[in-house]
Amino acid sequence: MLITSRNVQFPRIEEITKEWLEQYGIVYDRLILNTTPNLHHFSKLEVCLQNGIQIMIEDHHQLAEEIAQTMPVILFDYPYNRHLESDNIIRVQTWAEVKSWVKRLEKRIGS
């Protein structure tokens, strides 16, 4: 499942996002876009909880901080999120690291 802050209020955003995902061969079963009036932020935690998500991959510091209170967050390390510290935040640089951590976390949580 892909959860994005891209807001449906932007014209054609869902179509453009799906085209990009297809172009790069990204496999997913469901795409959830931001449908709130807030164009740039919505609670991904709420969506995770509603859909039984147990591990989140994120880069946005506020979203990661919120989600990490409930579940592990694999956080792409960028200067704008380096101030975050949590036992539930795992910093990565590459998608290969993400894949490795997902496998480890799945074993830990029994998925």
PDB file of N, CA and C in Angstrom:
ATOM      1  N   MET A   1       0.843  -1.160   0.000  1.00  0.00           N
ATOM      2  CA  MET A   1       0.000   0.000   0.000  1.00  0.00           C
ATOM      3  C   MET A   1       0.897   1.234   0.000  1.00  0.00           C
ATOM      4  N   LEU A   2       0.572   2.203  -0.814  1.00  0.00           N
ATOM      5  CA  LEU A   2       1.293   3.473  -0.854  1.00  0.00           C
ATOM      6  C   LEU A   2       0.386   4.562  -0.299  1.00  0.00           C
ATOM      7  N   ILE A   3       0.892   5.287   0.678  1.00  0.00           N
ATOM      8  CA  ILE A   3       0.161   6.395   1.286  1.00  0.00           C
ATOM      9  C   ILE A   3       0.965   7.655   1.002  1.00  0.00           C
ATOM     10  N   THR A   4       0.351   8.620   0.342  1.00  0.00           N
ATOM     11  CA  THR A   4       1.071   9.826  -0.044  1.00  0.00           C
ATOM     12  C   THR A   4       0.331  11.074   0.406  1.00  0.00           C
ATOM     13  N   SER A   5       1.092  12.120   0.678  1.00  0.00           N
ATOM     14  CA  SER A   5       0.502  13.410   1.030  1.00  0.00           C
ATOM     15  C   SER A   5       0.055  14.188  -0.199  1.00  0.00           C
ATOM     16  N   ARG A   6       0.293  13.643  -1.368  1.00  0.00           N
ATOM     17  CA  ARG A   6      -0.166  14.322  -2.585  1.00  0.00           C
ATOM     18  C   ARG A   6      -1.674  14.474  -2.500  1.00  0.00           C
ATOM     19  N   ASN A   7      -2.134  15.691  -2.675  1.00  0.00           N
ATOM     20  CA  ASN A   7      -3.539  16.008  -2.437  1.00  0.00           C
ATOM     21  C   ASN A   7      -4.361  15.940  -3.716  1.00  0.00           C
ATOM     22  N   VAL A   8      -5.522  15.307  -3.603  1.00  0.00           N
ATOM     23  CA  VAL A   8      -6.399  15.134  -4.760  1.00  0.00           C
ATOM     24  C   VAL A   8      -6.949  16.453  -5.283  1.00  0.00           C
ATOM     25  N   GLN A   9      -6.761  17.533  -4.537  1.00  0.00           N
ATOM     26  CA  GLN A   9      -7.216  18.842  -5.017  1.00  0.00           C
ATOM     27  C   GLN A   9      -6.367  19.342  -6.183  1.00  0.00           C
ATOM     28  N   PHE A  10      -5.144  18.801  -6.329  1.00  0.00           N
ATOM     29  CA  PHE A  10      -4.312  19.188  -7.464  1.00  0.00           C
ATOM     30  C   PHE A  10      -4.809  18.447  -8.709  1.00  0.00           C
ATOM     31  N   PRO A  11      -5.037  19.151  -9.784  1.00  0.00           N
ATOM     32  CA  PRO A  11      -5.566  18.514 -10.991  1.00  0.00           C
ATOM     33  C   PRO A  11      -4.697  17.355 -11.471  1.00  0.00           C
ATOM     34  N   ARG A  12      -5.335  16.235 -11.764  1.00  0.00           N
ATOM     35  CA  ARG A  12      -4.710  15.048 -12.341  1.00  0.00           C
ATOM     36  C   ARG A  12      -3.649  14.397 -11.449  1.00  0.00           C
ATOM     37  N   ILE A  13      -3.568  14.745 -10.171  1.00  0.00           N
ATOM     38  CA  ILE A  13      -2.476  14.236  -9.324  1.00  0.00           C
ATOM     39  C   ILE A  13      -2.499  12.720  -9.203  1.00  0.00           C
ATOM     40  N   GLU A  14      -3.680  12.132  -9.115  1.00  0.00           N
ATOM     41  CA  GLU A  14      -3.729  10.680  -9.006  1.00  0.00           C
ATOM     42  C   GLU A  14      -3.239  10.025 -10.299  1.00  0.00           C
ATOM     43  N   GLU A  15      -3.679  10.536 -11.414  1.00  0.00           N
ATOM     44  CA  GLU A  15      -3.247  10.009 -12.716  1.00  0.00           C
ATOM     45  C   GLU A  15      -1.740  10.170 -12.901  1.00  0.00           C
ATOM     46  N   ILE A  16      -1.212  11.340 -12.585  1.00  0.00           N
ATOM     47  CA  ILE A  16       0.221  11.607 -12.721  1.00  0.00           C
ATOM     48  C   ILE A  16       1.024  10.688 -11.810  1.00  0.00           C
ATOM     49  N   THR A  17       0.547  10.496 -10.586  1.00  0.00           N
ATOM     50  CA  THR A  17       1.245   9.626  -9.634  1.00  0.00           C
ATOM     51  C   THR A  17       1.261   8.192 -10.131  1.00  0.00           C
ATOM     52  N   LYS A  18       0.127   7.705 -10.612  1.00  0.00           N
ATOM     53  CA  LYS A  18       0.057   6.326 -11.120  1.00  0.00           C
ATOM     54  C   LYS A  18       0.951   6.141 -12.337  1.00  0.00           C
ATOM     55  N   GLU A  19       1.002   7.139 -13.207  1.00  0.00           N
ATOM     56  CA  GLU A  19       1.877   7.062 -14.385  1.00  0.00           C
ATOM     57  C   GLU A  19       3.341   6.979 -13.953  1.00  0.00           C
ATOM     58  N   TRP A  20       3.733   7.782 -12.956  1.00  0.00           N
ATOM     59  CA  TRP A  20       5.102   7.769 -12.455  1.00  0.00           C
ATOM     60  C   TRP A  20       5.436   6.409 -11.849  1.00  0.00           C
ATOM     61  N   LEU A  21       4.536   5.868 -11.051  1.00  0.00           N
ATOM     62  CA  LEU A  21       4.762   4.560 -10.431  1.00  0.00           C
ATOM     63  C   LEU A  21       4.918   3.472 -11.494  1.00  0.00           C
ATOM     64  N   GLU A  22       4.091   3.533 -12.519  1.00  0.00           N
ATOM     65  CA  GLU A  22       4.183   2.557 -13.612  1.00  0.00           C
ATOM     66  C   GLU A  22       5.506   2.724 -14.372  1.00  0.00           C
ATOM     67  N   GLN A  23       5.881   3.967 -14.651  1.00  0.00           N
ATOM     68  CA  GLN A  23       7.130   4.240 -15.387  1.00  0.00           C
ATOM     69  C   GLN A  23       8.333   3.643 -14.675  1.00  0.00           C
ATOM     70  N   TYR A  24       8.345   3.681 -13.347  1.00  0.00           N
ATOM     71  CA  TYR A  24       9.481   3.178 -12.582  1.00  0.00           C
ATOM     72  C   TYR A  24       9.277   1.761 -12.057  1.00  0.00           C
ATOM     73  N   GLY A  25       8.211   1.111 -12.503  1.00  0.00           N
ATOM     74  CA  GLY A  25       7.995  -0.288 -12.163  1.00  0.00           C
ATOM     75  C   GLY A  25       7.728  -0.539 -10.687  1.00  0.00           C
ATOM     76  N   ILE A  26       7.121   0.423 -10.028  1.00  0.00           N
ATOM     77  CA  ILE A  26       6.832   0.277  -8.601  1.00  0.00           C
ATOM     78  C   ILE A  26       5.502  -0.465  -8.448  1.00  0.00           C
ATOM     79  N   VAL A  27       5.590  -1.600  -7.775  1.00  0.00           N
ATOM     80  CA  VAL A  27       4.424  -2.462  -7.592  1.00  0.00           C
ATOM     81  C   VAL A  27       3.721  -2.065  -6.296  1.00  0.00           C
ATOM     82  N   TYR A  28       2.427  -1.953  -6.351  1.00  0.00           N
ATOM     83  CA  TYR A  28       1.635  -1.618  -5.174  1.00  0.00           C
ATOM     84  C   TYR A  28       0.235  -2.181  -5.365  1.00  0.00           C
ATOM     85  N   ASP A  29      -0.464  -2.382  -4.255  1.00  0.00           N
ATOM     86  CA  ASP A  29      -1.818  -2.909  -4.366  1.00  0.00           C
ATOM     87  C   ASP A  29      -2.877  -1.835  -4.188  1.00  0.00           C
ATOM     88  N   ARG A  30      -2.506  -0.736  -3.522  1.00  0.00           N
ATOM     89  CA  ARG A  30      -3.479   0.331  -3.287  1.00  0.00           C
ATOM     90  C   ARG A  30      -2.735   1.645  -3.111  1.00  0.00           C
ATOM     91  N   LEU A  31      -3.297   2.710  -3.664  1.00  0.00           N
ATOM     92  CA  LEU A  31      -2.727   4.043  -3.549  1.00  0.00           C
ATOM     93  C   LEU A  31      -3.706   4.915  -2.776  1.00  0.00           C
ATOM     94  N   ILE A  32      -3.232   5.498  -1.678  1.00  0.00           N
ATOM     95  CA  ILE A  32      -4.072   6.384  -0.883  1.00  0.00           C
ATOM     96  C   ILE A  32      -3.475   7.776  -0.940  1.00  0.00           C
ATOM     97  N   LEU A  33      -4.266   8.724  -1.437  1.00  0.00           N
ATOM     98  CA  LEU A  33      -3.842  10.114  -1.538  1.00  0.00           C
ATOM     99  C   LEU A  33      -4.511  10.938  -0.445  1.00  0.00           C
ATOM    100  N   ASN A  34      -3.957  12.106  -0.187  1.00  0.00           N
ATOM    101  CA  ASN A  34      -4.515  13.044   0.773  1.00  0.00           C
ATOM    102  C   ASN A  34      -5.816  13.611   0.212  1.00  0.00           C
ATOM    103  N   THR A  35      -6.890  13.424   0.938  1.00  0.00           N
ATOM    104  CA  THR A  35      -8.191  13.962   0.509  1.00  0.00           C
ATOM    105  C   THR A  35      -8.663  15.072   1.441  1.00  0.00           C
ATOM    106  N   THR A  36      -7.778  15.542   2.325  1.00  0.00           N
ATOM    107  CA  THR A  36      -8.153  16.574   3.287  1.00  0.00           C
ATOM    108  C   THR A  36      -8.017  17.962   2.668  1.00  0.00           C
ATOM    109  N   PRO A  37      -8.580  18.969   3.314  1.00  0.00           N
ATOM    110  CA  PRO A  37      -8.417  20.348   2.825  1.00  0.00           C
ATOM    111  C   PRO A  37      -6.977  20.849   2.952  1.00  0.00           C
ATOM    112  N   ASN A  38      -6.175  20.210   3.809  1.00  0.00           N
ATOM    113  CA  ASN A  38      -4.780  20.604   3.979  1.00  0.00           C
ATOM    114  C   ASN A  38      -3.987  20.060   2.796  1.00  0.00           C
ATOM    115  N   LEU A  39      -3.463  20.925   1.985  1.00  0.00           N
ATOM    116  CA  LEU A  39      -2.808  20.505   0.747  1.00  0.00           C
ATOM    117  C   LEU A  39      -1.490  19.783   0.951  1.00  0.00           C
ATOM    118  N   HIS A  40      -0.845  19.969   2.090  1.00  0.00           N
ATOM    119  CA  HIS A  40       0.513  19.455   2.236  1.00  0.00           C
ATOM    120  C   HIS A  40       0.708  18.436   3.348  1.00  0.00           C
ATOM    121  N   HIS A  41      -0.276  18.221   4.197  1.00  0.00           N
ATOM    122  CA  HIS A  41      -0.073  17.313   5.321  1.00  0.00           C
ATOM    123  C   HIS A  41      -1.402  16.724   5.767  1.00  0.00           C
ATOM    124  N   PHE A  42      -1.387  15.442   6.037  1.00  0.00           N
ATOM    125  CA  PHE A  42      -2.523  14.808   6.683  1.00  0.00           C
ATOM    126  C   PHE A  42      -1.987  13.656   7.508  1.00  0.00           C
ATOM    127  N   SER A  43      -2.813  13.116   8.378  1.00  0.00           N
ATOM    128  CA  SER A  43      -2.352  12.088   9.293  1.00  0.00           C
ATOM    129  C   SER A  43      -2.228  10.740   8.588  1.00  0.00           C
ATOM    130  N   LYS A  44      -1.012  10.393   8.242  1.00  0.00           N
ATOM    131  CA  LYS A  44      -0.783   9.074   7.677  1.00  0.00           C
ATOM    132  C   LYS A  44      -0.941   8.007   8.756  1.00  0.00           C
ATOM    133  N   LEU A  45      -0.721   8.378  10.009  1.00  0.00           N
ATOM    134  CA  LEU A  45      -0.898   7.432  11.100  1.00  0.00           C
ATOM    135  C   LEU A  45      -2.320   6.894  11.117  1.00  0.00           C
ATOM    136  N   GLU A  46      -3.275   7.781  10.975  1.00  0.00           N
ATOM    137  CA  GLU A  46      -4.680   7.362  10.959  1.00  0.00           C
ATOM    138  C   GLU A  46      -4.932   6.347   9.838  1.00  0.00           C
ATOM    139  N   VAL A  47      -4.395   6.601   8.670  1.00  0.00           N
ATOM    140  CA  VAL A  47      -4.552   5.681   7.537  1.00  0.00           C
ATOM    141  C   VAL A  47      -3.874   4.344   7.840  1.00  0.00           C
ATOM    142  N   CYS A  48      -2.686   4.399   8.440  1.00  0.00           N
ATOM    143  CA  CYS A  48      -1.976   3.168   8.807  1.00  0.00           C
ATOM    144  C   CYS A  48      -2.810   2.332   9.764  1.00  0.00           C
ATOM    145  N   LEU A  49      -3.339   2.969  10.787  1.00  0.00           N
ATOM    146  CA  LEU A  49      -4.128   2.247  11.777  1.00  0.00           C
ATOM    147  C   LEU A  49      -5.397   1.658  11.169  1.00  0.00           C
ATOM    148  N   GLN A  50      -6.040   2.395  10.283  1.00  0.00           N
ATOM    149  CA  GLN A  50      -7.265   1.915   9.625  1.00  0.00           C
ATOM    150  C   GLN A  50      -7.000   0.724   8.708  1.00  0.00           C
ATOM    151  N   ASN A  51      -5.764   0.602   8.219  1.00  0.00           N
ATOM    152  CA  ASN A  51      -5.445  -0.424   7.229  1.00  0.00           C
ATOM    153  C   ASN A  51      -4.493  -1.505   7.747  1.00  0.00           C
ATOM    154  N   GLY A  52      -4.243  -1.527   9.036  1.00  0.00           N
ATOM    155  CA  GLY A  52      -3.408  -2.569   9.618  1.00  0.00           C
ATOM    156  C   GLY A  52      -1.940  -2.506   9.230  1.00  0.00           C
ATOM    157  N   ILE A  53      -1.456  -1.324   8.874  1.00  0.00           N
ATOM    158  CA  ILE A  53      -0.049  -1.148   8.510  1.00  0.00           C
ATOM    159  C   ILE A  53       0.786  -1.270   9.782  1.00  0.00           C
ATOM    160  N   GLN A  54       1.911  -1.997   9.713  1.00  0.00           N
ATOM    161  CA  GLN A  54       2.744  -2.209  10.893  1.00  0.00           C
ATOM    162  C   GLN A  54       4.139  -1.613  10.773  1.00  0.00           C
ATOM    163  N   ILE A  55       4.525  -1.238   9.552  1.00  0.00           N
ATOM    164  CA  ILE A  55       5.833  -0.614   9.297  1.00  0.00           C
ATOM    165  C   ILE A  55       5.597   0.502   8.287  1.00  0.00           C
ATOM    166  N   MET A  56       6.172   1.677   8.540  1.00  0.00           N
ATOM    167  CA  MET A  56       5.994   2.793   7.616  1.00  0.00           C
ATOM    168  C   MET A  56       7.350   3.252   7.099  1.00  0.00           C
ATOM    169  N   ILE A  57       7.389   3.619   5.843  1.00  0.00           N
ATOM    170  CA  ILE A  57       8.578   4.209   5.226  1.00  0.00           C
ATOM    171  C   ILE A  57       8.233   5.675   4.979  1.00  0.00           C
ATOM    172  N   GLU A  58       9.100   6.566   5.446  1.00  0.00           N
ATOM    173  CA  GLU A  58       8.756   7.991   5.412  1.00  0.00           C
ATOM    174  C   GLU A  58      10.021   8.822   5.271  1.00  0.00           C
ATOM    175  N   ASP A  59       9.853  10.102   4.927  1.00  0.00           N
ATOM    176  CA  ASP A  59      10.964  11.041   4.958  1.00  0.00           C
ATOM    177  C   ASP A  59      10.579  12.341   5.657  1.00  0.00           C
ATOM    178  N   HIS A  60       9.308  12.611   5.779  1.00  0.00           N
ATOM    179  CA  HIS A  60       8.846  13.858   6.382  1.00  0.00           C
ATOM    180  C   HIS A  60       8.950  13.784   7.898  1.00  0.00           C
ATOM    181  N   HIS A  61       9.623  14.769   8.500  1.00  0.00           N
ATOM    182  CA  HIS A  61       9.907  14.716   9.932  1.00  0.00           C
ATOM    183  C   HIS A  61       8.657  14.721  10.814  1.00  0.00           C
ATOM    184  N   GLN A  62       7.668  15.539  10.492  1.00  0.00           N
ATOM    185  CA  GLN A  62       6.469  15.579  11.332  1.00  0.00           C
ATOM    186  C   GLN A  62       5.676  14.277  11.234  1.00  0.00           C
ATOM    187  N   LEU A  63       5.557  13.747  10.038  1.00  0.00           N
ATOM    188  CA  LEU A  63       4.837  12.490   9.858  1.00  0.00           C
ATOM    189  C   LEU A  63       5.567  11.343  10.538  1.00  0.00           C
ATOM    190  N   ALA A  64       6.877  11.302  10.382  1.00  0.00           N
ATOM    191  CA  ALA A  64       7.671  10.243  11.013  1.00  0.00           C
ATOM    192  C   ALA A  64       7.552  10.304  12.527  1.00  0.00           C
ATOM    193  N   GLU A  65       7.609  11.493  13.071  1.00  0.00           N
ATOM    194  CA  GLU A  65       7.504  11.662  14.517  1.00  0.00           C
ATOM    195  C   GLU A  65       6.153  11.166  15.032  1.00  0.00           C
ATOM    196  N   GLU A  66       5.094  11.505  14.330  1.00  0.00           N
ATOM    197  CA  GLU A  66       3.742  11.068  14.714  1.00  0.00           C
ATOM    198  C   GLU A  66       3.612   9.543  14.624  1.00  0.00           C
ATOM    199  N   ILE A  67       4.042   8.982  13.527  1.00  0.00           N
ATOM    200  CA  ILE A  67       3.885   7.543  13.284  1.00  0.00           C
ATOM    201  C   ILE A  67       4.758   6.725  14.231  1.00  0.00           C
ATOM    202  N   ALA A  68       5.970   7.210  14.528  1.00  0.00           N
ATOM    203  CA  ALA A  68       6.914   6.475  15.373  1.00  0.00           C
ATOM    204  C   ALA A  68       6.404   6.282  16.799  1.00  0.00           C
ATOM    205  N   GLN A  69       5.396   7.016  17.196  1.00  0.00           N
ATOM    206  CA  GLN A  69       4.801   6.821  18.513  1.00  0.00           C
ATOM    207  C   GLN A  69       4.037   5.506  18.584  1.00  0.00           C
ATOM    208  N   THR A  70       3.720   4.932  17.408  1.00  0.00           N
ATOM    209  CA  THR A  70       2.881   3.735  17.339  1.00  0.00           C
ATOM    210  C   THR A  70       3.562   2.543  16.686  1.00  0.00           C
ATOM    211  N   MET A  71       4.452   2.786  15.727  1.00  0.00           N
ATOM    212  CA  MET A  71       5.051   1.688  14.966  1.00  0.00           C
ATOM    213  C   MET A  71       6.426   2.090  14.458  1.00  0.00           C
ATOM    214  N   PRO A  72       7.210   1.094  13.997  1.00  0.00           N
ATOM    215  CA  PRO A  72       8.519   1.420  13.423  1.00  0.00           C
ATOM    216  C   PRO A  72       8.387   2.260  12.148  1.00  0.00           C
ATOM    217  N   VAL A  73       9.283   3.230  12.027  1.00  0.00           N
ATOM    218  CA  VAL A  73       9.346   4.076  10.835  1.00  0.00           C
ATOM    219  C   VAL A  73      10.742   3.948  10.249  1.00  0.00           C
ATOM    220  N   ILE A  74      10.800   3.530   9.005  1.00  0.00           N
ATOM    221  CA  ILE A  74      12.058   3.523   8.268  1.00  0.00           C
ATOM    222  C   ILE A  74      12.135   4.895   7.611  1.00  0.00           C
ATOM    223  N   LEU A  75      13.089   5.683   8.071  1.00  0.00           N
ATOM    224  CA  LEU A  75      13.157   7.093   7.691  1.00  0.00           C
ATOM    225  C   LEU A  75      14.332   7.364   6.766  1.00  0.00           C
ATOM    226  N   PHE A  76      14.035   7.852   5.572  1.00  0.00           N
ATOM    227  CA  PHE A  76      15.108   8.285   4.692  1.00  0.00           C
ATOM    228  C   PHE A  76      15.781   9.498   5.334  1.00  0.00           C
ATOM    229  N   ASP A  77      17.075   9.392   5.529  1.00  0.00           N
ATOM    230  CA  ASP A  77      17.858  10.382   6.254  1.00  0.00           C
ATOM    231  C   ASP A  77      18.153  11.590   5.370  1.00  0.00           C
ATOM    232  N   TYR A  78      17.612  12.737   5.763  1.00  0.00           N
ATOM    233  CA  TYR A  78      17.856  13.999   5.071  1.00  0.00           C
ATOM    234  C   TYR A  78      18.169  15.067   6.108  1.00  0.00           C
ATOM    235  N   PRO A  79      18.864  16.130   5.718  1.00  0.00           N
ATOM    236  CA  PRO A  79      19.186  17.189   6.685  1.00  0.00           C
ATOM    237  C   PRO A  79      17.955  17.726   7.425  1.00  0.00           C
ATOM    238  N   TYR A  80      16.808  17.803   6.755  1.00  0.00           N
ATOM    239  CA  TYR A  80      15.617  18.382   7.383  1.00  0.00           C
ATOM    240  C   TYR A  80      14.948  17.464   8.403  1.00  0.00           C
ATOM    241  N   ASN A  81      15.399  16.211   8.535  1.00  0.00           N
ATOM    242  CA  ASN A  81      14.785  15.346   9.551  1.00  0.00           C
ATOM    243  C   ASN A  81      15.800  14.790  10.553  1.00  0.00           C
ATOM    244  N   ARG A  82      17.021  15.272  10.496  1.00  0.00           N
ATOM    245  CA  ARG A  82      18.074  14.719  11.362  1.00  0.00           C
ATOM    246  C   ARG A  82      17.878  15.036  12.842  1.00  0.00           C
ATOM    247  N   HIS A  83      17.033  15.980  13.166  1.00  0.00           N
ATOM    248  CA  HIS A  83      16.801  16.314  14.567  1.00  0.00           C
ATOM    249  C   HIS A  83      15.924  15.274  15.281  1.00  0.00           C
ATOM    250  N   LEU A  84      15.292  14.407  14.529  1.00  0.00           N
ATOM    251  CA  LEU A  84      14.411  13.403  15.128  1.00  0.00           C
ATOM    252  C   LEU A  84      15.195  12.290  15.787  1.00  0.00           C
ATOM    253  N   GLU A  85      14.735  11.913  16.976  1.00  0.00           N
ATOM    254  CA  GLU A  85      15.318  10.767  17.663  1.00  0.00           C
ATOM    255  C   GLU A  85      14.188   9.963  18.275  1.00  0.00           C
ATOM    256  N   SER A  86      14.198   8.670  18.043  1.00  0.00           N
ATOM    257  CA  SER A  86      13.191   7.776  18.603  1.00  0.00           C
ATOM    258  C   SER A  86      13.692   6.344  18.462  1.00  0.00           C
ATOM    259  N   ASP A  87      13.351   5.519  19.429  1.00  0.00           N
ATOM    260  CA  ASP A  87      13.696   4.100  19.326  1.00  0.00           C
ATOM    261  C   ASP A  87      12.977   3.435  18.156  1.00  0.00           C
ATOM    262  N   ASN A  88      11.893   4.046  17.690  1.00  0.00           N
ATOM    263  CA  ASN A  88      11.097   3.484  16.593  1.00  0.00           C
ATOM    264  C   ASN A  88      11.485   4.040  15.225  1.00  0.00           C
ATOM    265  N   ILE A  89      12.534   4.850  15.164  1.00  0.00           N
ATOM    266  CA  ILE A  89      12.976   5.413  13.881  1.00  0.00           C
ATOM    267  C   ILE A  89      14.281   4.747  13.461  1.00  0.00           C
ATOM    268  N   ILE A  90      14.269   4.220  12.248  1.00  0.00           N
ATOM    269  CA  ILE A  90      15.441   3.570  11.660  1.00  0.00           C
ATOM    270  C   ILE A  90      15.841   4.397  10.440  1.00  0.00           C
ATOM    271  N   ARG A  91      17.018   4.958  10.473  1.00  0.00           N
ATOM    272  CA  ARG A  91      17.469   5.815   9.369  1.00  0.00           C
ATOM    273  C   ARG A  91      18.121   4.987   8.264  1.00  0.00           C
ATOM    274  N   VAL A  92      17.792   5.334   7.030  1.00  0.00           N
ATOM    275  CA  VAL A  92      18.362   4.652   5.864  1.00  0.00           C
ATOM    276  C   VAL A  92      18.756   5.682   4.811  1.00  0.00           C
ATOM    277  N   GLN A  93      19.616   5.218   3.903  1.00  0.00           N
ATOM    278  CA  GLN A  93      20.070   6.055   2.788  1.00  0.00           C
ATOM    279  C   GLN A  93      19.557   5.541   1.445  1.00  0.00           C
ATOM    280  N   THR A  94      19.294   4.236   1.359  1.00  0.00           N
ATOM    281  CA  THR A  94      18.961   3.627   0.067  1.00  0.00           C
ATOM    282  C   THR A  94      17.749   2.705   0.185  1.00  0.00           C
ATOM    283  N   TRP A  95      17.171   2.386  -0.971  1.00  0.00           N
ATOM    284  CA  TRP A  95      16.057   1.445  -1.000  1.00  0.00           C
ATOM    285  C   TRP A  95      16.510   0.037  -0.644  1.00  0.00           C
ATOM    286  N   ALA A  96      17.772  -0.302  -0.918  1.00  0.00           N
ATOM    287  CA  ALA A  96      18.284  -1.617  -0.513  1.00  0.00           C
ATOM    288  C   ALA A  96      18.273  -1.735   1.010  1.00  0.00           C
ATOM    289  N   GLU A  97      18.628  -0.660   1.699  1.00  0.00           N
ATOM    290  CA  GLU A  97      18.559  -0.664   3.164  1.00  0.00           C
ATOM    291  C   GLU A  97      17.121  -0.807   3.642  1.00  0.00           C
ATOM    292  N   VAL A  98      16.193  -0.138   2.965  1.00  0.00           N
ATOM    293  CA  VAL A  98      14.771  -0.257   3.307  1.00  0.00           C
ATOM    294  C   VAL A  98      14.348  -1.715   3.232  1.00  0.00           C
ATOM    295  N   LYS A  99      14.680  -2.357   2.131  1.00  0.00           N
ATOM    296  CA  LYS A  99      14.296  -3.758   1.933  1.00  0.00           C
ATOM    297  C   LYS A  99      14.848  -4.648   3.044  1.00  0.00           C
ATOM    298  N   SER A 100      16.094  -4.435   3.398  1.00  0.00           N
ATOM    299  CA  SER A 100      16.717  -5.211   4.456  1.00  0.00           C
ATOM    300  C   SER A 100      16.009  -5.000   5.795  1.00  0.00           C
ATOM    301  N   TRP A 101      15.705  -3.759   6.124  1.00  0.00           N
ATOM    302  CA  TRP A 101      15.034  -3.461   7.382  1.00  0.00           C
ATOM    303  C   TRP A 101      13.603  -4.006   7.405  1.00  0.00           C
ATOM    304  N   VAL A 102      12.913  -3.925   6.295  1.00  0.00           N
ATOM    305  CA  VAL A 102      11.548  -4.475   6.247  1.00  0.00           C
ATOM    306  C   VAL A 102      11.582  -5.960   6.557  1.00  0.00           C
ATOM    307  N   LYS A 103      12.519  -6.684   5.965  1.00  0.00           N
ATOM    308  CA  LYS A 103      12.640  -8.119   6.234  1.00  0.00           C
ATOM    309  C   LYS A 103      12.897  -8.379   7.708  1.00  0.00           C
ATOM    310  N   ARG A 104      13.816  -7.616   8.310  1.00  0.00           N
ATOM    311  CA  ARG A 104      14.125  -7.788   9.735  1.00  0.00           C
ATOM    312  C   ARG A 104      12.923  -7.467  10.619  1.00  0.00           C
ATOM    313  N   LEU A 105      12.241  -6.381  10.297  1.00  0.00           N
ATOM    314  CA  LEU A 105      11.095  -5.982  11.109  1.00  0.00           C
ATOM    315  C   LEU A 105       9.929  -6.955  10.962  1.00  0.00           C
ATOM    316  N   GLU A 106       9.739  -7.484   9.769  1.00  0.00           N
ATOM    317  CA  GLU A 106       8.673  -8.476   9.575  1.00  0.00           C
ATOM    318  C   GLU A 106       8.901  -9.683  10.460  1.00  0.00           C
ATOM    319  N   LYS A 107      10.147 -10.121  10.571  1.00  0.00           N
ATOM    320  CA  LYS A 107      10.454 -11.254  11.461  1.00  0.00           C
ATOM    321  C   LYS A 107      10.167 -10.894  12.903  1.00  0.00           C
ATOM    322  N   ARG A 108      10.519  -9.675  13.286  1.00  0.00           N
ATOM    323  CA  ARG A 108      10.338  -9.231  14.668  1.00  0.00           C
ATOM    324  C   ARG A 108       8.861  -9.114  15.048  1.00  0.00           C
ATOM    325  N   ILE A 109       8.036  -8.596  14.122  1.00  0.00           N
ATOM    326  CA  ILE A 109       6.628  -8.394  14.456  1.00  0.00           C
ATOM    327  C   ILE A 109       5.752  -9.570  14.026  1.00  0.00           C
ATOM    328  N   GLY A 110       6.355 -10.537  13.341  1.00  0.00           N
ATOM    329  CA  GLY A 110       5.623 -11.747  12.982  1.00  0.00           C
ATOM    330  C   GLY A 110       4.676 -11.597  11.814  1.00  0.00           C
ATOM    331  N   SER A 111       5.015 -10.739  10.859  1.00  0.00           N
ATOM    332  CA  SER A 111       4.159 -10.585   9.663  1.00  0.00           C
ATOM    333  C   SER A 111       4.406 -11.672   8.661  1.00  0.00           C
TER     334      SER A 111
END
